Amino acid sequence: MYRQIKVARSHNDFQRIVWRKDPSQNIEDFRLLTVTFGTSCAPYLAVKSLHQVACDEGRDYPLAAERIMTDFYMDDLMTGCESETEIKEIYKEMNKVLEKGGFQLQKWTSNRMNLLEELKEESGKDLEIKIDKVTKILGLTWNRYTDRFDYSVRLPPPAAFETKRTEISEISRLYDPLGWITPCIITSKVFIQKLWIAGVGWDEELPPELLQEWRYYRAELEKLVDFHIPRWIGKRKSNIAVELHGFSDASNIAYAAVVYCRIIDSSGEIHSHLITAKSKVAPIKQISIPRLELCGSLLVTKLLIEVAEVMNIPKADIHAWTDSSVVLAWLSDHPSRWKTYVANRTSEILSLMDSTQWAHVQSKDNPADIASRVSHQPCYLIVIFGNEDLVG
C-alpha cells in the first residue's frame, strides 16, 4: 500500500531544512511537504491516517471499516472470515474505502488459490504478493499451501573464538514472538544470566564449563528444523463455547505461563489448542518458590487478559490454573492481609481477574511445568494458532 502523507500547509515550516550539495554553493532553504519516514511519529501518523479514513468513510463499508481499525499492522492487512463470499465483499469494500483516502492495496495472498484466481479475473491485474509458497507475516513464516506456520532454526557455523558477544548474537536470532518454543528459548535466557553472573567480558572466551554447556545446547537447538504449526484453531461463529485456560508454574530457575483455547464446536466435540506462552528467568536474588509461583500467576493473568482482548473472549470465559496451594490461599483473601511483596502482586491479579476464576491443577498435569523447569534436553511443541482465511 503506497501513499505519501502530506503535512498540513500551516505545519510545513516545522519541517524546514537548509541544504547545499557543495560548500562553494549558496545555502538553499527547503520545506518538507510530506511526512518524513523514519521519524518517531511516522508510524503513529501512518496508522492514524488509516483509522481516520475508516472513521470518515466507513459508514458505507462496515466490513472494511471494522478491519481497518483492528487488523492493520502499519501497512500490512491481515484479516479473514468464514466464507469466500464474505471475503470477496471485504476485498471490494477495502479497496473502495481506502481509495477515498488515497491508499491502494497492491498485493494479496490467501490459503485459497481459487479465491486469488477469481479476484485476479475480477480486478484484471496480478494480485500475488509472490509466486512461491512461503510468505513472511510479521516475521513469521506462513506456508499458504499447507496453511501452517513453519519454524526452523538457522544458526551460522560456530565461531572459532566463542565469546559472550558471539553467543548472545546467536541467541538473538531465535525469533519466537508467541512463545511456541518457550521450553527451548528459556534455556538460552538462563544461559545469558549465567554469563552475567560469571562476569565474562564481551570479547572474552567462555569458561570451559559454560562453553561445554553452550555447545551442547546449540547442537540440540539445530535439531529444531522443519517445525510446523497449524494456523487455524477451529474458532467459528457456530461454536457452542470458546474458553481461555491459562496455566502458570515456577521453579528456582524460571517461571512460565501458557494459554490454551478450549473450543466446543457445534457437534459438541471439544478441541484444545495452544495459543501463546511466555517465560521469565528467576531473579538472581533468592526468592521463595511460593513467591515465584505468584510471579508466574501474575504473568499468566496479564497474558490471559491480552489474549482475551485480541480474540474478543468475554472475561467470564477466562480461567486460570496453578499447582500452588499457597498462591490460591493468597488470592482467596484481601491483599491487605499480606506483606508488601505478596499484597502488591495479589492486588494486581485480583484487579484483572476474580479469585473464583482460579483453580488448582496437579503438577503432573500442569503444561507450564515443561517451560519453568529448564532442561538441556530438546523440547518440541505441537501448537495451533490463528483463525483467519485471507492475508493481505
Protein backbone atom coordinates (compact mmCIF):
# COMPACT_ATOMS: atom_id res chain seq x y z
CA MET A 1 0.00 0.00 0.00
CA TYR A 2 1.51 3.29 -1.07
CA ARG A 3 0.81 6.93 -0.46
CA GLN A 4 2.78 9.98 0.54
CA ILE A 5 1.02 11.57 3.51
CA LYS A 6 1.05 15.35 3.13
CA VAL A 7 1.61 17.65 6.07
CA ALA A 8 -0.86 20.50 6.59
CA ARG A 9 0.36 23.66 4.84
CA SER A 10 0.40 25.57 8.13
CA HIS A 11 2.84 22.97 9.53
CA ASN A 12 5.34 22.98 6.65
CA ASP A 13 7.67 25.37 8.43
CA PHE A 14 8.18 22.85 11.21
CA GLN A 15 9.98 20.69 8.64
CA ARG A 16 12.17 23.45 7.23
CA ILE A 17 15.78 22.48 6.45
CA VAL A 18 18.78 24.19 4.88
CA TRP A 19 21.00 22.34 2.45
CA ARG A 20 23.70 22.64 -0.14
CA LYS A 21 25.48 19.95 -2.12
CA ASP A 22 28.84 21.72 -2.15
CA PRO A 23 30.49 24.16 0.31
CA SER A 24 31.03 26.60 -2.54
CA GLN A 25 27.29 26.86 -3.24
CA ASN A 26 24.82 29.13 -1.51
CA ILE A 27 22.70 27.57 1.21
CA GLU A 28 19.19 26.78 -0.02
CA ASP A 29 16.03 26.71 2.07
CA PHE A 30 13.67 23.72 1.76
CA ARG A 31 10.42 22.66 3.37
CA LEU A 32 9.32 19.01 3.52
CA LEU A 33 5.71 18.75 2.39
CA THR A 34 5.14 15.10 3.30
CA VAL A 35 5.59 13.01 6.44
CA THR A 36 9.23 12.00 6.71
CA PHE A 37 9.74 8.28 7.03
CA GLY A 38 11.99 7.29 9.92
CA THR A 39 10.88 9.88 12.46
CA SER A 40 9.45 8.70 15.77
CA CYS A 41 5.99 9.99 14.91
CA ALA A 42 5.81 8.45 11.42
CA PRO A 43 4.39 5.02 12.47
CA TYR A 44 1.66 6.70 14.52
CA LEU A 45 0.74 9.07 11.68
CA ALA A 46 0.59 6.21 9.17
CA VAL A 47 -1.76 4.16 11.35
CA LYS A 48 -3.79 7.20 12.39
CA SER A 49 -4.32 8.12 8.73
CA LEU A 50 -5.84 4.69 8.08
CA HIS A 51 -8.05 4.92 11.15
CA GLN A 52 -9.23 8.37 10.12
CA VAL A 53 -10.25 7.09 6.69
CA ALA A 54 -12.28 4.35 8.41
CA CYS A 55 -13.95 6.93 10.68
CA ASP A 56 -14.70 9.37 7.84
CA GLU A 57 -15.75 6.94 5.10
CA GLY A 58 -16.51 3.66 6.86
CA ARG A 59 -20.25 4.16 7.34
CA ASP A 60 -21.00 2.71 3.91
CA TYR A 61 -18.31 0.00 4.22
CA PRO A 62 -18.83 -1.68 7.62
CA LEU A 63 -16.90 -4.88 6.86
CA ALA A 64 -13.82 -2.96 5.74
CA ALA A 65 -14.02 -0.23 8.38
CA GLU A 66 -14.02 -2.72 11.25
CA ARG A 67 -10.93 -4.48 9.89
CA ILE A 68 -9.07 -1.25 9.21
CA MET A 69 -9.40 -0.39 12.89
CA THR A 70 -8.27 -3.79 14.18
CA ASP A 71 -6.43 -5.83 11.52
CA PHE A 72 -3.78 -3.47 10.15
CA TYR A 73 -0.20 -3.54 11.34
CA MET A 74 1.42 -0.48 9.75
CA ASP A 75 0.75 -1.02 6.02
CA ASP A 76 0.03 -4.77 6.25
CA LEU A 77 -3.54 -6.05 6.45
CA MET A 78 -4.12 -9.49 7.98
CA THR A 79 -7.74 -10.49 8.10
CA GLY A 80 -10.25 -13.08 7.00
CA CYS A 81 -13.65 -14.66 7.56
CA GLU A 82 -15.54 -17.94 7.35
CA SER A 83 -16.73 -17.88 3.73
CA GLU A 84 -15.32 -16.96 0.33
CA THR A 85 -18.42 -14.88 -0.40
CA GLU A 86 -17.75 -12.66 2.59
CA ILE A 87 -14.05 -12.30 1.81
CA LYS A 88 -14.88 -11.14 -1.71
CA GLU A 89 -17.12 -8.47 -0.22
CA ILE A 90 -14.35 -7.45 2.18
CA TYR A 91 -11.93 -7.22 -0.74
CA LYS A 92 -14.27 -4.89 -2.64
CA GLU A 93 -15.11 -2.72 0.36
CA MET A 94 -11.49 -2.48 1.46
CA ASN A 95 -10.36 -1.21 -1.92
CA LYS A 96 -13.20 1.30 -2.16
CA VAL A 97 -12.85 2.81 1.29
CA LEU A 98 -9.05 3.09 1.14
CA GLU A 99 -9.17 4.69 -2.31
CA LYS A 100 -11.13 7.54 -0.72
CA GLY A 101 -8.05 8.25 1.39
CA GLY A 102 -5.64 7.87 -1.49
CA PHE A 103 -4.45 4.42 -0.42
CA GLN A 104 -4.27 1.37 -2.66
CA LEU A 105 -3.79 -2.21 -1.57
CA GLN A 106 -1.27 -3.61 -4.03
CA LYS A 107 -0.89 -7.34 -3.39
CA TRP A 108 -2.89 -10.10 -1.73
CA THR A 109 -2.29 -13.68 -0.73
CA SER A 110 -4.55 -16.40 0.61
CA ASN A 111 -4.70 -20.05 1.58
CA ARG A 112 -7.36 -20.47 -1.13
CA MET A 113 -5.74 -20.49 -4.55
CA ASN A 114 -9.08 -20.48 -6.40
CA LEU A 115 -10.08 -17.34 -4.50
CA LEU A 116 -6.98 -15.50 -5.69
CA GLU A 117 -7.69 -16.54 -9.26
CA GLU A 118 -11.26 -15.23 -9.05
CA LEU A 119 -10.13 -11.92 -7.58
CA LYS A 120 -7.48 -11.67 -10.28
CA GLU A 121 -10.09 -12.13 -13.01
CA GLU A 122 -12.40 -9.53 -11.44
CA SER A 123 -9.68 -6.93 -10.99
CA GLY A 124 -7.89 -7.63 -14.27
CA LYS A 125 -4.46 -7.45 -12.62
CA ASP A 126 -1.99 -9.70 -10.88
CA LEU A 127 -2.67 -9.70 -7.13
CA GLU A 128 0.02 -12.13 -6.00
CA ILE A 129 2.49 -10.88 -3.38
CA LYS A 130 4.94 -13.55 -4.53
CA ILE A 131 4.75 -16.73 -6.54
CA ASP A 132 6.36 -19.16 -4.10
CA LYS A 133 4.50 -20.88 -1.27
CA VAL A 134 6.14 -19.16 1.71
CA THR A 135 5.13 -15.69 2.94
CA LYS A 136 6.57 -13.69 5.82
CA ILE A 137 3.90 -12.39 8.20
CA LEU A 138 5.33 -10.05 10.85
CA GLY A 139 8.45 -12.16 10.96
CA LEU A 140 6.62 -15.50 11.00
CA THR A 141 6.90 -17.84 8.04
CA TRP A 142 3.48 -18.89 6.71
CA ASN A 143 3.05 -21.60 4.10
CA ARG A 144 -0.17 -20.79 2.26
CA TYR A 145 -0.41 -24.19 0.58
CA THR A 146 -0.31 -26.17 3.82
CA ASP A 147 -1.86 -23.29 5.80
CA ARG A 148 0.57 -23.56 8.65
CA PHE A 149 3.46 -21.67 10.17
CA ASP A 150 6.95 -23.06 9.62
CA TYR A 151 9.67 -22.62 12.20
CA SER A 152 13.28 -23.51 11.56
CA VAL A 153 16.43 -22.54 13.46
CA ARG A 154 19.21 -21.48 11.11
CA LEU A 155 22.40 -20.73 13.01
CA PRO A 156 25.70 -19.73 11.38
CA PRO A 157 28.74 -22.04 11.66
CA PRO A 158 30.28 -22.00 15.17
CA ALA A 159 32.77 -19.19 15.71
CA ALA A 160 36.43 -20.10 16.04
CA PHE A 161 36.68 -17.96 19.18
CA GLU A 162 33.41 -18.17 21.15
CA THR A 163 32.72 -15.17 23.39
CA LYS A 164 29.74 -13.69 25.21
CA ARG A 165 29.23 -11.36 22.26
CA THR A 166 29.05 -14.18 19.67
CA GLU A 167 26.76 -16.35 21.82
CA ILE A 168 24.28 -13.56 22.59
CA SER A 169 24.33 -12.63 18.90
CA GLU A 170 23.29 -16.18 18.01
CA ILE A 171 20.64 -16.29 20.73
CA SER A 172 19.13 -13.07 19.36
CA ARG A 173 18.41 -14.91 16.10
CA LEU A 174 15.79 -17.02 17.87
CA TYR A 175 12.54 -15.27 16.96
CA ASP A 176 9.56 -16.59 18.89
CA PRO A 177 7.06 -13.76 19.47
CA LEU A 178 4.18 -16.03 20.51
CA GLY A 179 6.20 -18.38 22.69
CA TRP A 180 5.63 -21.50 20.65
CA ILE A 181 9.07 -22.86 21.54
CA THR A 182 9.28 -21.34 25.01
CA PRO A 183 10.74 -24.54 26.57
CA CYS A 184 13.68 -24.14 24.20
CA ILE A 185 14.03 -20.36 24.46
CA ILE A 186 14.05 -20.24 28.26
CA THR A 187 17.25 -22.28 28.29
CA SER A 188 19.01 -19.53 26.34
CA LYS A 189 17.70 -16.89 28.76
CA VAL A 190 19.09 -18.83 31.70
CA PHE A 191 22.41 -19.22 29.88
CA ILE A 192 22.66 -15.43 29.42
CA GLN A 193 22.05 -14.98 33.15
CA LYS A 194 24.90 -17.40 33.86
CA LEU A 195 27.20 -15.37 31.61
CA TRP A 196 26.48 -12.21 33.58
CA ILE A 197 26.87 -13.95 36.94
CA ALA A 198 30.22 -15.36 35.82
CA GLY A 199 31.40 -11.83 34.96
CA VAL A 200 32.58 -12.84 31.49
CA GLY A 201 33.64 -9.87 29.34
CA TRP A 202 32.03 -9.25 25.97
CA ASP A 203 35.07 -10.43 24.00
CA GLU A 204 36.50 -12.94 26.45
CA GLU A 205 36.45 -16.63 25.63
CA LEU A 206 33.87 -18.54 27.66
CA PRO A 207 35.00 -20.61 30.65
CA PRO A 208 35.22 -24.36 29.81
CA GLU A 209 32.07 -25.35 31.75
CA LEU A 210 29.94 -22.62 30.11
CA LEU A 211 31.45 -23.34 26.70
CA GLN A 212 30.56 -27.02 27.01
CA GLU A 213 27.02 -26.16 28.11
CA TRP A 214 26.59 -23.75 25.20
CA ARG A 215 27.87 -26.22 22.57
CA TYR A 216 25.51 -28.90 23.83
CA TYR A 217 22.54 -26.53 23.76
CA ARG A 218 23.48 -25.25 20.31
CA ALA A 219 23.73 -28.75 18.91
CA GLU A 220 20.30 -29.63 20.30
CA LEU A 221 18.80 -26.36 19.06
CA GLU A 222 19.84 -27.11 15.48
CA LYS A 223 17.54 -30.15 15.59
CA LEU A 224 14.60 -27.75 15.70
CA VAL A 225 14.11 -27.78 11.93
CA ASP A 226 11.00 -28.21 9.82
CA PHE A 227 8.82 -27.33 12.80
CA HIS A 228 5.26 -26.86 11.51
CA ILE A 229 2.42 -25.14 13.34
CA PRO A 230 -1.17 -25.41 12.01
CA ARG A 231 -2.63 -21.92 11.75
CA TRP A 232 -6.35 -22.45 12.33
CA ILE A 233 -7.62 -23.31 15.82
CA GLY A 234 -11.18 -24.14 14.76
CA LYS A 235 -12.81 -20.94 16.03
CA ARG A 236 -16.17 -20.37 14.30
CA LYS A 237 -19.26 -18.30 14.93
CA SER A 238 -21.22 -21.55 15.32
CA ASN A 239 -19.10 -22.79 18.25
CA ILE A 240 -21.03 -23.59 21.40
CA ALA A 241 -18.27 -22.25 23.65
CA VAL A 242 -14.82 -20.68 23.36
CA GLU A 243 -12.78 -20.51 26.55
CA LEU A 244 -9.27 -19.48 27.51
CA HIS A 245 -7.34 -21.51 30.07
CA GLY A 246 -4.06 -20.19 31.43
CA PHE A 247 -1.52 -22.23 33.40
CA SER A 248 1.43 -21.00 35.42
CA ASP A 249 4.33 -22.70 37.13
CA ALA A 250 7.65 -21.76 38.72
CA SER A 251 10.94 -23.22 39.84
CA ASN A 252 14.03 -21.68 41.41
CA ILE A 253 15.36 -21.19 37.85
CA ALA A 254 12.42 -19.70 35.94
CA TYR A 255 8.67 -19.18 35.89
CA ALA A 256 6.33 -19.58 32.93
CA ALA A 257 2.79 -19.05 31.70
CA VAL A 258 0.89 -20.71 28.88
CA VAL A 259 -2.56 -20.04 27.42
CA TYR A 260 -4.78 -22.59 25.69
CA CYS A 261 -8.04 -22.11 23.83
CA ARG A 262 -10.73 -24.69 24.57
CA ILE A 263 -13.44 -24.87 21.94
CA ILE A 264 -16.71 -26.82 21.96
CA ASP A 265 -17.89 -26.99 18.35
CA SER A 266 -21.45 -27.19 17.07
CA SER A 267 -21.42 -31.00 17.27
CA GLY A 268 -20.31 -30.97 20.91
CA GLU A 269 -16.73 -32.08 20.29
CA ILE A 270 -14.01 -30.45 22.41
CA HIS A 271 -10.79 -29.09 20.87
CA SER A 272 -7.85 -27.64 22.79
CA HIS A 273 -5.09 -25.57 21.18
CA LEU A 274 -2.02 -23.81 22.48
CA ILE A 275 -2.22 -20.08 21.74
CA THR A 276 0.79 -18.45 23.35
CA ALA A 277 3.33 -18.82 26.14
CA LYS A 278 5.82 -16.66 28.00
CA SER A 279 8.66 -17.29 30.42
CA LYS A 280 10.98 -15.30 32.65
CA VAL A 281 14.21 -16.16 34.41
CA ALA A 282 14.06 -16.13 38.19
CA PRO A 283 15.89 -13.17 39.78
CA ILE A 284 19.48 -13.67 40.92
CA LYS A 285 18.39 -12.72 44.42
CA GLN A 286 16.94 -15.80 46.06
CA ILE A 287 13.15 -15.76 46.30
CA SER A 288 10.98 -18.47 47.83
CA ILE A 289 9.19 -20.85 45.48
CA PRO A 290 5.68 -19.67 46.58
CA ARG A 291 6.63 -16.09 45.69
CA LEU A 292 7.98 -17.21 42.31
CA GLU A 293 4.72 -19.12 41.78
CA LEU A 294 2.90 -15.85 42.50
CA CYS A 295 5.03 -14.10 39.86
CA GLY A 296 4.04 -16.84 37.42
CA SER A 297 0.38 -16.33 38.30
CA LEU A 298 0.68 -12.60 37.62
CA LEU A 299 2.38 -13.37 34.31
CA VAL A 300 -0.40 -15.72 33.17
CA THR A 301 -3.07 -13.24 34.30
CA LYS A 302 -1.66 -10.50 32.09
CA LEU A 303 -1.25 -12.96 29.23
CA LEU A 304 -4.85 -14.17 29.54
CA ILE A 305 -6.26 -10.65 29.52
CA GLU A 306 -4.17 -9.72 26.49
CA VAL A 307 -5.23 -12.79 24.51
CA ALA A 308 -8.88 -12.38 25.53
CA GLU A 309 -8.86 -8.82 24.23
CA VAL A 310 -7.36 -9.84 20.90
CA MET A 311 -9.71 -12.83 20.45
CA ASN A 312 -12.80 -11.00 21.78
CA ILE A 313 -13.43 -13.56 24.51
CA PRO A 314 -15.55 -12.38 27.49
CA LYS A 315 -13.99 -12.26 30.93
CA ALA A 316 -16.47 -14.89 32.15
CA ASP A 317 -14.86 -17.43 29.79
CA ILE A 318 -11.34 -16.97 31.18
CA HIS A 319 -9.91 -19.50 33.62
CA ALA A 320 -6.52 -19.65 35.36
CA TRP A 321 -4.77 -22.65 36.90
CA THR A 322 -1.83 -23.08 39.27
CA ASP A 323 -0.37 -26.04 41.15
CA SER A 324 0.48 -23.82 44.14
CA SER A 325 -1.97 -24.08 47.05
CA VAL A 326 -0.19 -21.15 48.71
CA VAL A 327 -0.93 -18.85 45.77
CA LEU A 328 -4.60 -19.90 45.80
CA ALA A 329 -4.74 -19.10 49.52
CA TRP A 330 -3.22 -15.66 48.90
CA LEU A 331 -5.76 -14.96 46.16
CA SER A 332 -8.71 -16.11 48.26
CA ASP A 333 -8.34 -13.27 50.78
CA HIS A 334 -7.98 -9.49 50.66
CA PRO A 335 -4.47 -8.27 49.68
CA SER A 336 -4.29 -6.06 52.77
CA ARG A 337 -3.75 -9.19 54.88
CA TRP A 338 -0.39 -9.93 53.28
CA LYS A 339 3.05 -8.36 53.35
CA THR A 340 4.01 -5.83 50.69
CA TYR A 341 5.54 -8.23 48.14
CA VAL A 342 2.53 -10.56 48.14
CA ALA A 343 -0.03 -7.78 48.59
CA ASN A 344 1.15 -5.85 45.53
CA ARG A 345 1.00 -8.86 43.23
CA THR A 346 -2.26 -10.34 44.51
CA SER A 347 -3.83 -6.88 44.25
CA GLU A 348 -2.80 -6.62 40.60
CA ILE A 349 -4.04 -10.12 39.81
CA LEU A 350 -7.41 -9.57 41.50
CA SER A 351 -7.87 -6.25 39.71
CA LEU A 352 -7.80 -8.18 36.42
CA MET A 353 -9.45 -11.48 37.37
CA ASP A 354 -11.73 -12.70 40.15
CA SER A 355 -10.46 -15.23 42.66
CA THR A 356 -13.30 -17.54 41.57
CA GLN A 357 -11.64 -17.83 38.16
CA TRP A 358 -8.63 -19.55 39.72
CA ALA A 359 -8.36 -23.29 40.35
CA HIS A 360 -5.81 -25.92 41.33
CA VAL A 361 -4.13 -28.30 38.89
CA GLN A 362 -1.88 -31.22 39.74
CA SER A 363 1.81 -30.58 38.99
CA LYS A 364 1.97 -33.60 36.70
CA ASP A 365 -0.92 -32.19 34.65
CA ASN A 366 0.40 -28.61 34.50
CA PRO A 367 1.59 -27.84 30.93
CA ALA A 368 3.56 -24.80 32.13
CA ASP A 369 5.85 -27.14 34.06
CA ILE A 370 7.90 -28.02 30.98
CA ALA A 371 8.97 -24.39 30.49
CA SER A 372 9.61 -23.49 34.13
CA ARG A 373 11.85 -26.48 34.86
CA VAL A 374 14.65 -25.67 32.45
CA SER A 375 16.21 -28.72 30.85
CA HIS A 376 19.08 -29.14 28.44
CA GLN A 377 17.07 -31.72 26.55
CA PRO A 378 15.40 -30.57 23.31
CA CYS A 379 11.73 -29.71 23.64
CA TYR A 380 9.20 -29.89 20.84
CA LEU A 381 5.69 -28.48 20.87
CA ILE A 382 2.77 -29.15 18.60
CA VAL A 383 0.82 -25.91 18.61
CA ILE A 384 -2.02 -24.34 16.68
CA PHE A 385 -2.73 -20.66 16.20
CA GLY A 386 -4.94 -18.40 14.08
CA ASN A 387 -8.46 -18.36 12.69
CA GLU A 388 -8.31 -16.22 9.57
CA ASP A 389 -8.62 -17.13 5.92
CA LEU A 390 -7.08 -14.28 3.95
CA VAL A 391 -3.90 -12.36 4.49
CA GLY A 392 -3.20 -9.20 2.57
